[in-house]
């Protein structure tokens, strides 16, 4: 059974209206965590001649 067919079955036959995909939820949490940390990263190199940052 394909993923969308399985979702339709669960919704119609079992009356469940929301399913959380644990793999997708984990991946989304990891991306959010990484972006929050990287948003505050900045660096200065070569005595201020080179500046790096992600905002």
PDB file of N, CA and C in Angstrom:
ATOM      1  N   UNK A   1       0.846  -1.185   0.000  1.00  0.00           N
ATOM      2  CA  UNK A   1       0.000   0.000   0.000  1.00  0.00           C
ATOM      3  C   UNK A   1       0.890   1.246   0.000  1.00  0.00           C
ATOM      4  N   UNK A   2       0.564   2.199  -0.839  1.00  0.00           N
ATOM      5  CA  UNK A   2       1.330   3.449  -0.903  1.00  0.00           C
ATOM      6  C   UNK A   2       1.012   4.303   0.318  1.00  0.00           C
ATOM      7  N   UNK A   3       1.912   5.216   0.626  1.00  0.00           N
ATOM      8  CA  UNK A   3       1.775   6.058   1.815  1.00  0.00           C
ATOM      9  C   UNK A   3       0.450   6.822   1.835  1.00  0.00           C
ATOM     10  N   UNK A   4       0.086   7.465   0.732  1.00  0.00           N
ATOM     11  CA  UNK A   4      -1.155   8.249   0.691  1.00  0.00           C
ATOM     12  C   UNK A   4      -2.382   7.340   0.798  1.00  0.00           C
ATOM     13  N   UNK A   5      -2.312   6.153   0.210  1.00  0.00           N
ATOM     14  CA  UNK A   5      -3.416   5.202   0.338  1.00  0.00           C
ATOM     15  C   UNK A   5      -3.571   4.770   1.784  1.00  0.00           C
ATOM     16  N   UNK A   6      -2.465   4.568   2.463  1.00  0.00           N
ATOM     17  CA  UNK A   6      -2.502   4.184   3.867  1.00  0.00           C
ATOM     18  C   UNK A   6      -3.106   5.300   4.712  1.00  0.00           C
ATOM     19  N   UNK A   7      -2.739   6.554   4.416  1.00  0.00           N
ATOM     20  CA  UNK A   7      -3.316   7.682   5.145  1.00  0.00           C
ATOM     21  C   UNK A   7      -4.822   7.759   4.935  1.00  0.00           C
ATOM     22  N   UNK A   8      -5.262   7.552   3.694  1.00  0.00           N
ATOM     23  CA  UNK A   8      -6.698   7.561   3.404  1.00  0.00           C
ATOM     24  C   UNK A   8      -7.413   6.456   4.175  1.00  0.00           C
ATOM     25  N   UNK A   9      -6.818   5.270   4.203  1.00  0.00           N
ATOM     26  CA  UNK A   9      -7.404   4.144   4.931  1.00  0.00           C
ATOM     27  C   UNK A   9      -7.528   4.459   6.416  1.00  0.00           C
ATOM     28  N   UNK A  10      -6.460   4.967   7.006  1.00  0.00           N
ATOM     29  CA  UNK A  10      -6.458   5.272   8.438  1.00  0.00           C
ATOM     30  C   UNK A  10      -7.500   6.336   8.759  1.00  0.00           C
ATOM     31  N   UNK A  11      -7.593   7.339   7.892  1.00  0.00           N
ATOM     32  CA  UNK A  11      -8.560   8.420   8.125  1.00  0.00           C
ATOM     33  C   UNK A  11     -10.002   7.921   8.005  1.00  0.00           C
ATOM     34  N   UNK A  12     -10.290   7.190   6.938  1.00  0.00           N
ATOM     35  CA  UNK A  12     -11.675   6.770   6.682  1.00  0.00           C
ATOM     36  C   UNK A  12     -12.111   5.600   7.560  1.00  0.00           C
ATOM     37  N   UNK A  13     -11.278   4.587   7.662  1.00  0.00           N
ATOM     38  CA  UNK A  13     -11.675   3.364   8.365  1.00  0.00           C
ATOM     39  C   UNK A  13     -11.489   3.446   9.875  1.00  0.00           C
ATOM     40  N   UNK A  14     -10.475   4.160  10.321  1.00  0.00           N
ATOM     41  CA  UNK A  14     -10.193   4.207  11.753  1.00  0.00           C
ATOM     42  C   UNK A  14     -10.616   5.520  12.401  1.00  0.00           C
ATOM     43  N   UNK A  15     -10.983   6.500  11.586  1.00  0.00           N
ATOM     44  CA  UNK A  15     -11.444   7.772  12.130  1.00  0.00           C
ATOM     45  C   UNK A  15     -10.340   8.631  12.721  1.00  0.00           C
ATOM     46  N   UNK A  16      -9.113   8.391  12.299  1.00  0.00           N
ATOM     47  CA  UNK A  16      -7.982   9.189  12.780  1.00  0.00           C
ATOM     48  C   UNK A  16      -7.752  10.309  11.780  1.00  0.00           C
ATOM     49  N   UNK A  17      -7.775  11.555  12.258  1.00  0.00           N
ATOM     50  CA  UNK A  17      -7.674  12.682  11.328  1.00  0.00           C
ATOM     51  C   UNK A  17      -6.284  13.304  11.255  1.00  0.00           C
ATOM     52  N   UNK A  18      -5.381  12.892  12.111  1.00  0.00           N
ATOM     53  CA  UNK A  18      -4.029  13.456  12.053  1.00  0.00           C
ATOM     54  C   UNK A  18      -3.014  12.378  12.418  1.00  0.00           C
ATOM     55  N   UNK A  19      -2.019  12.244  11.572  1.00  0.00           N
ATOM     56  CA  UNK A  19      -0.951  11.279  11.807  1.00  0.00           C
ATOM     57  C   UNK A  19       0.367  12.027  11.748  1.00  0.00           C
ATOM     58  N   UNK A  20       1.208  11.799  12.730  1.00  0.00           N
ATOM     59  CA  UNK A  20       2.525  12.431  12.757  1.00  0.00           C
ATOM     60  C   UNK A  20       3.553  11.415  12.271  1.00  0.00           C
ATOM     61  N   UNK A  21       4.290  11.790  11.256  1.00  0.00           N
ATOM     62  CA  UNK A  21       5.369  10.954  10.740  1.00  0.00           C
ATOM     63  C   UNK A  21       6.595  11.224  11.610  1.00  0.00           C
ATOM     64  N   UNK A  22       7.034  10.269  12.428  1.00  0.00           N
ATOM     65  CA  UNK A  22       8.145  10.523  13.347  1.00  0.00           C
ATOM     66  C   UNK A  22       9.460  10.856  12.638  1.00  0.00           C
ATOM     67  N   UNK A  23       9.695  10.261  11.479  1.00  0.00           N
ATOM     68  CA  UNK A  23      10.917  10.572  10.734  1.00  0.00           C
ATOM     69  C   UNK A  23      10.906  12.016  10.252  1.00  0.00           C
ATOM     70  N   UNK A  24       9.776  12.445   9.691  1.00  0.00           N
ATOM     71  CA  UNK A  24       9.658  13.814   9.206  1.00  0.00           C
ATOM     72  C   UNK A  24       9.694  14.811  10.361  1.00  0.00           C
ATOM     73  N   UNK A  25       9.035  14.489  11.462  1.00  0.00           N
ATOM     74  CA  UNK A  25       9.038  15.380  12.622  1.00  0.00           C
ATOM     75  C   UNK A  25      10.453  15.546  13.174  1.00  0.00           C
ATOM     76  N   UNK A  26      11.213  14.462  13.223  1.00  0.00           N
ATOM     77  CA  UNK A  26      12.596  14.527  13.698  1.00  0.00           C
ATOM     78  C   UNK A  26      13.456  15.347  12.752  1.00  0.00           C
ATOM     79  N   UNK A  27      13.304  15.119  11.457  1.00  0.00           N
ATOM     80  CA  UNK A  27      14.077  15.881  10.473  1.00  0.00           C
ATOM     81  C   UNK A  27      13.758  17.369  10.557  1.00  0.00           C
ATOM     82  N   UNK A  28      12.482  17.716  10.695  1.00  0.00           N
ATOM     83  CA  UNK A  28      12.099  19.125  10.824  1.00  0.00           C
ATOM     84  C   UNK A  28      12.679  19.750  12.083  1.00  0.00           C
ATOM     85  N   UNK A  29      12.674  19.012  13.185  1.00  0.00           N
ATOM     86  CA  UNK A  29      13.242  19.521  14.434  1.00  0.00           C
ATOM     87  C   UNK A  29      14.747  19.738  14.294  1.00  0.00           C
ATOM     88  N   UNK A  30      15.428  18.834  13.602  1.00  0.00           N
ATOM     89  CA  UNK A  30      16.871  18.979  13.403  1.00  0.00           C
ATOM     90  C   UNK A  30      17.186  20.201  12.550  1.00  0.00           C
ATOM     91  N   UNK A  31      16.420  20.412  11.491  1.00  0.00           N
ATOM     92  CA  UNK A  31      16.635  21.576  10.627  1.00  0.00           C
ATOM     93  C   UNK A  31      16.403  22.859  11.414  1.00  0.00           C
ATOM     94  N   UNK A  32      15.328  22.894  12.189  1.00  0.00           N
ATOM     95  CA  UNK A  32      15.028  24.083  12.997  1.00  0.00           C
ATOM     96  C   UNK A  32      16.170  24.354  13.980  1.00  0.00           C
ATOM     97  N   UNK A  33      16.644  23.304  14.649  1.00  0.00           N
ATOM     98  CA  UNK A  33      17.732  23.449  15.611  1.00  0.00           C
ATOM     99  C   UNK A  33      18.998  23.975  14.934  1.00  0.00           C
ATOM    100  N   UNK A  34      19.335  23.419  13.778  1.00  0.00           N
ATOM    101  CA  UNK A  34      20.542  23.851  13.066  1.00  0.00           C
ATOM    102  C   UNK A  34      20.428  25.295  12.595  1.00  0.00           C
ATOM    103  N   UNK A  35      19.276  25.678  12.038  1.00  0.00           N
ATOM    104  CA  UNK A  35      19.105  27.050  11.556  1.00  0.00           C
ATOM    105  C   UNK A  35      19.158  28.045  12.698  1.00  0.00           C
ATOM    106  N   UNK A  36      18.589  27.697  13.860  1.00  0.00           N
ATOM    107  CA  UNK A  36      18.629  28.613  14.999  1.00  0.00           C
ATOM    108  C   UNK A  36      20.067  28.819  15.459  1.00  0.00           C
ATOM    109  N   UNK A  37      20.846  27.751  15.510  1.00  0.00           N
ATOM    110  CA  UNK A  37      22.244  27.872  15.928  1.00  0.00           C
ATOM    111  C   UNK A  37      23.074  28.620  14.898  1.00  0.00           C
ATOM    112  N   UNK A  38      22.865  28.330  13.623  1.00  0.00           N
ATOM    113  CA  UNK A  38      23.657  28.967  12.577  1.00  0.00           C
ATOM    114  C   UNK A  38      23.295  30.432  12.395  1.00  0.00           C
ATOM    115  N   UNK A  39      22.087  30.811  12.742  1.00  0.00           N
ATOM    116  CA  UNK A  39      21.659  32.199  12.567  1.00  0.00           C
ATOM    117  C   UNK A  39      22.485  33.145  13.433  1.00  0.00           C
ATOM    118  N   UNK A  40      23.056  32.627  14.497  1.00  0.00           N
ATOM    119  CA  UNK A  40      23.835  33.473  15.395  1.00  0.00           C
ATOM    120  C   UNK A  40      25.340  33.323  15.197  1.00  0.00           C
ATOM    121  N   UNK A  41      25.733  32.526  14.208  1.00  0.00           N
ATOM    122  CA  UNK A  41      27.154  32.315  13.957  1.00  0.00           C
ATOM    123  C   UNK A  41      27.733  33.482  13.175  1.00  0.00           C
ATOM    124  N   UNK A  42      28.822  33.957  13.630  1.00  0.00           N
ATOM    125  CA  UNK A  42      29.569  34.938  12.846  1.00  0.00           C
ATOM    126  C   UNK A  42      31.028  34.816  13.250  1.00  0.00           C
ATOM    127  N   UNK A  43      31.886  35.188  12.374  1.00  0.00           N
ATOM    128  CA  UNK A  43      33.302  35.096  12.666  1.00  0.00           C
ATOM    129  C   UNK A  43      34.070  36.194  11.981  1.00  0.00           C
ATOM    130  N   UNK A  44      35.210  36.480  12.537  1.00  0.00           N
ATOM    131  CA  UNK A  44      36.084  37.493  11.959  1.00  0.00           C
ATOM    132  C   UNK A  44      37.454  36.845  11.803  1.00  0.00           C
ATOM    133  N   UNK A  45      38.020  36.964  10.623  1.00  0.00           N
ATOM    134  CA  UNK A  45      39.277  36.301  10.329  1.00  0.00           C
ATOM    135  C   UNK A  45      40.255  37.297   9.728  1.00  0.00           C
ATOM    136  N   UNK A  46      41.521  36.947   9.746  1.00  0.00           N
ATOM    137  CA  UNK A  46      42.590  37.758   9.147  1.00  0.00           C
ATOM    138  C   UNK A  46      42.579  39.177   9.717  1.00  0.00           C
ATOM    139  N   UNK A  47      42.533  39.244  11.035  1.00  0.00           N
ATOM    140  CA  UNK A  47      42.545  40.537  11.735  1.00  0.00           C
ATOM    141  C   UNK A  47      41.465  41.492  11.240  1.00  0.00           C
ATOM    142  N   UNK A  48      40.265  40.958  11.014  1.00  0.00           N
ATOM    143  CA  UNK A  48      39.135  41.796  10.625  1.00  0.00           C
ATOM    144  C   UNK A  48      38.986  42.036   9.140  1.00  0.00           C
ATOM    145  N   UNK A  49      39.895  41.517   8.335  1.00  0.00           N
ATOM    146  CA  UNK A  49      39.809  41.724   6.885  1.00  0.00           C
ATOM    147  C   UNK A  49      38.721  40.857   6.248  1.00  0.00           C
ATOM    148  N   UNK A  50      38.431  39.729   6.877  1.00  0.00           N
ATOM    149  CA  UNK A  50      37.414  38.819   6.359  1.00  0.00           C
ATOM    150  C   UNK A  50      36.380  38.608   7.457  1.00  0.00           C
ATOM    151  N   UNK A  51      35.129  38.855   7.125  1.00  0.00           N
ATOM    152  CA  UNK A  51      34.048  38.635   8.084  1.00  0.00           C
ATOM    153  C   UNK A  51      33.089  37.617   7.494  1.00  0.00           C
ATOM    154  N   UNK A  52      32.651  36.713   8.329  1.00  0.00           N
ATOM    155  CA  UNK A  52      31.736  35.671   7.881  1.00  0.00           C
ATOM    156  C   UNK A  52      30.571  35.621   8.846  1.00  0.00           C
ATOM    157  N   UNK A  53      29.394  35.430   8.309  1.00  0.00           N
ATOM    158  CA  UNK A  53      28.226  35.305   9.170  1.00  0.00           C
ATOM    159  C   UNK A  53      27.030  34.817   8.402  1.00  0.00           C
ATOM    160  N   UNK A  54      26.124  34.207   9.117  1.00  0.00           N
ATOM    161  CA  UNK A  54      24.873  33.742   8.536  1.00  0.00           C
ATOM    162  C   UNK A  54      23.763  34.365   9.356  1.00  0.00           C
ATOM    163  N   UNK A  55      22.911  35.126   8.716  1.00  0.00           N
ATOM    164  CA  UNK A  55      21.805  35.763   9.433  1.00  0.00           C
ATOM    165  C   UNK A  55      20.489  35.390   8.834  1.00  0.00           C
TER     166      UNK A  55
END
